[in-house]
Amino acid sequence: MIIFNTTFHVEDDIYEQYISYMKDIYITEAANSGFLFEPRFSRIHAQHEKGGTSFSLQFRVKNVDTLNHWFAVQGQELHNKLTTRFGNKAVGFVTLMDEIEL
């Protein structure tokens, strides 16, 4: 299993709309795909950045091939919807992490 993390920076004027959209649409659709599991959505504790707040969205996924397949069949479309709705007021970058068993 790998952890698929996207860190988003969101401008203050869309804060509430962004959270609602992520909960009601983005996360729900991604989790219902059958490829991404155990979503976690978190606000990042940091000094308040000028003009925004940062969030982390994490899913577990079987492997990179599965993630690439999801992105091709659904992920790109979800990303495009997010960009269409919020433009550059909600931007993100992806980090892939391997879990290390304790």
C-alpha atoms as a PDB file:
ATOM      1  CA  MET A   1       0.000   0.000   0.000  1.00  0.00           C
ATOM      2  CA  ILE A   2       1.050   3.528  -0.675  1.00  0.00           C
ATOM      3  CA  ILE A   3      -0.291   6.802   0.642  1.00  0.00           C
ATOM      4  CA  PHE A   4      -1.427   9.276  -1.995  1.00  0.00           C
ATOM      5  CA  ASN A   5      -1.210  12.735  -0.426  1.00  0.00           C
ATOM      6  CA  THR A   6      -2.224  16.013  -2.020  1.00  0.00           C
ATOM      7  CA  THR A   7      -1.337  19.208  -0.199  1.00  0.00           C
ATOM      8  CA  PHE A   8      -3.569  22.123  -1.150  1.00  0.00           C
ATOM      9  CA  HIS A   9      -3.164  25.828  -0.485  1.00  0.00           C
ATOM     10  CA  VAL A  10      -6.539  27.576  -0.369  1.00  0.00           C
ATOM     11  CA  GLU A  11      -7.190  31.304  -0.320  1.00  0.00           C
ATOM     12  CA  ASP A  12      -9.249  32.643   2.570  1.00  0.00           C
ATOM     13  CA  ASP A  13     -12.158  33.918   0.475  1.00  0.00           C
ATOM     14  CA  ILE A  14     -13.082  30.381  -0.672  1.00  0.00           C
ATOM     15  CA  TYR A  15     -12.302  28.561   2.593  1.00  0.00           C
ATOM     16  CA  GLU A  16     -15.850  27.387   3.436  1.00  0.00           C
ATOM     17  CA  GLN A  17     -16.812  26.658  -0.186  1.00  0.00           C
ATOM     18  CA  TYR A  18     -13.630  24.630  -0.654  1.00  0.00           C
ATOM     19  CA  ILE A  19     -14.224  22.468   2.439  1.00  0.00           C
ATOM     20  CA  SER A  20     -17.835  21.797   1.417  1.00  0.00           C
ATOM     21  CA  TYR A  21     -16.819  20.941  -2.145  1.00  0.00           C
ATOM     22  CA  MET A  22     -14.077  18.583  -1.021  1.00  0.00           C
ATOM     23  CA  LYS A  23     -16.349  16.758   1.454  1.00  0.00           C
ATOM     24  CA  ASP A  24     -19.484  16.614  -0.674  1.00  0.00           C
ATOM     25  CA  ILE A  25     -18.034  16.035  -4.131  1.00  0.00           C
ATOM     26  CA  TYR A  26     -14.294  15.460  -4.536  1.00  0.00           C
ATOM     27  CA  ILE A  27     -13.603  13.036  -1.677  1.00  0.00           C
ATOM     28  CA  THR A  28     -16.917  11.222  -2.114  1.00  0.00           C
ATOM     29  CA  GLU A  29     -16.351  10.638  -5.833  1.00  0.00           C
ATOM     30  CA  ALA A  30     -12.720   9.584  -5.369  1.00  0.00           C
ATOM     31  CA  ALA A  31     -13.567   7.175  -2.532  1.00  0.00           C
ATOM     32  CA  ASN A  32     -16.473   5.670  -4.480  1.00  0.00           C
ATOM     33  CA  SER A  33     -14.147   4.776  -7.361  1.00  0.00           C
ATOM     34  CA  GLY A  34     -13.057   1.560  -5.661  1.00  0.00           C
ATOM     35  CA  PHE A  35      -9.377   2.393  -6.216  1.00  0.00           C
ATOM     36  CA  LEU A  36      -8.709   4.826  -3.359  1.00  0.00           C
ATOM     37  CA  PHE A  37      -9.374   3.913   0.277  1.00  0.00           C
ATOM     38  CA  GLU A  38      -9.517   5.444   3.762  1.00  0.00           C
ATOM     39  CA  PRO A  39      -9.654   9.153   2.939  1.00  0.00           C
ATOM     40  CA  ARG A  40      -8.219  11.599   5.463  1.00  0.00           C
ATOM     41  CA  PHE A  41      -8.771  15.327   5.092  1.00  0.00           C
ATOM     42  CA  SER A  42      -6.829  17.618   7.419  1.00  0.00           C
ATOM     43  CA  ARG A  43      -6.017  21.262   7.941  1.00  0.00           C
ATOM     44  CA  ILE A  44      -2.268  21.706   8.271  1.00  0.00           C
ATOM     45  CA  HIS A  45      -1.131  23.354  11.487  1.00  0.00           C
ATOM     46  CA  ALA A  46       1.252  26.109  10.574  1.00  0.00           C
ATOM     47  CA  GLN A  47       1.515  29.793  10.952  1.00  0.00           C
ATOM     48  CA  HIS A  48      -1.309  31.352   9.021  1.00  0.00           C
ATOM     49  CA  GLU A  49       0.094  31.861   5.583  1.00  0.00           C
ATOM     50  CA  LYS A  50      -0.523  35.158   3.891  1.00  0.00           C
ATOM     51  CA  GLY A  51      -3.839  34.834   2.141  1.00  0.00           C
ATOM     52  CA  GLY A  52      -4.715  31.227   2.809  1.00  0.00           C
ATOM     53  CA  THR A  53      -4.758  27.903   4.604  1.00  0.00           C
ATOM     54  CA  SER A  54      -3.135  24.583   3.706  1.00  0.00           C
ATOM     55  CA  PHE A  55      -4.860  21.205   3.718  1.00  0.00           C
ATOM     56  CA  SER A  56      -3.780  17.603   3.258  1.00  0.00           C
ATOM     57  CA  LEU A  57      -5.940  15.019   1.520  1.00  0.00           C
ATOM     58  CA  GLN A  58      -4.719  11.431   1.829  1.00  0.00           C
ATOM     59  CA  PHE A  59      -5.907   8.140   0.435  1.00  0.00           C
ATOM     60  CA  ARG A  60      -4.451   4.672   0.605  1.00  0.00           C
ATOM     61  CA  VAL A  61      -4.014   2.977  -2.748  1.00  0.00           C
ATOM     62  CA  LYS A  62      -2.770  -0.494  -3.658  1.00  0.00           C
ATOM     63  CA  ASN A  63       0.176   0.619  -5.812  1.00  0.00           C
ATOM     64  CA  VAL A  64       1.357   3.252  -8.283  1.00  0.00           C
ATOM     65  CA  ASP A  65      -0.146   1.401 -11.260  1.00  0.00           C
ATOM     66  CA  THR A  66      -3.574   1.490  -9.604  1.00  0.00           C
ATOM     67  CA  LEU A  67      -3.152   5.190  -8.857  1.00  0.00           C
ATOM     68  CA  ASN A  68      -2.158   5.912 -12.459  1.00  0.00           C
ATOM     69  CA  HIS A  69      -5.214   3.992 -13.672  1.00  0.00           C
ATOM     70  CA  TRP A  70      -7.503   5.936 -11.315  1.00  0.00           C
ATOM     71  CA  PHE A  71      -5.982   9.211 -12.455  1.00  0.00           C
ATOM     72  CA  ALA A  72      -6.543   8.322 -16.112  1.00  0.00           C
ATOM     73  CA  VAL A  73     -10.180   7.249 -15.660  1.00  0.00           C
ATOM     74  CA  GLN A  74     -11.322   9.679 -12.945  1.00  0.00           C
ATOM     75  CA  GLY A  75      -8.602  11.692 -11.236  1.00  0.00           C
ATOM     76  CA  GLN A  76      -7.879  14.058 -14.101  1.00  0.00           C
ATOM     77  CA  GLU A  77     -11.583  14.843 -14.425  1.00  0.00           C
ATOM     78  CA  LEU A  78     -11.878  15.564 -10.680  1.00  0.00           C
ATOM     79  CA  HIS A  79      -8.810  17.797 -10.865  1.00  0.00           C
ATOM     80  CA  ASN A  80     -10.308  19.664 -13.824  1.00  0.00           C
ATOM     81  CA  LYS A  81     -13.596  20.196 -11.947  1.00  0.00           C
ATOM     82  CA  LEU A  82     -11.685  21.573  -8.949  1.00  0.00           C
ATOM     83  CA  THR A  83      -9.685  23.913 -11.175  1.00  0.00           C
ATOM     84  CA  THR A  84     -12.789  25.066 -13.045  1.00  0.00           C
ATOM     85  CA  ARG A  85     -14.586  25.837  -9.797  1.00  0.00           C
ATOM     86  CA  PHE A  86     -11.758  27.541  -7.857  1.00  0.00           C
ATOM     87  CA  GLY A  87      -9.111  28.477 -10.429  1.00  0.00           C
ATOM     88  CA  ASN A  88      -5.780  29.319  -8.839  1.00  0.00           C
ATOM     89  CA  LYS A  89      -7.395  29.997  -5.454  1.00  0.00           C
ATOM     90  CA  ALA A  90      -6.979  26.292  -4.575  1.00  0.00           C
ATOM     91  CA  VAL A  91      -3.731  24.788  -5.812  1.00  0.00           C
ATOM     92  CA  GLY A  92      -2.036  21.559  -4.827  1.00  0.00           C
ATOM     93  CA  PHE A  93       0.883  19.233  -5.226  1.00  0.00           C
ATOM     94  CA  VAL A  94       1.078  15.447  -4.856  1.00  0.00           C
ATOM     95  CA  THR A  95       3.367  13.373  -2.643  1.00  0.00           C
ATOM     96  CA  LEU A  96       3.447   9.563  -2.794  1.00  0.00           C
ATOM     97  CA  MET A  97       4.618   7.747   0.331  1.00  0.00           C
ATOM     98  CA  ASP A  98       5.389   4.106   1.072  1.00  0.00           C
ATOM     99  CA  GLU A  99       4.045   2.877   4.371  1.00  0.00           C
ATOM    100  CA  ILE A 100       6.621   1.392   6.707  1.00  0.00           C
ATOM    101  CA  GLU A 101       5.245  -1.261   9.014  1.00  0.00           C
ATOM    102  CA  LEU A 102       5.955  -0.726  12.700  1.00  0.00           C
END
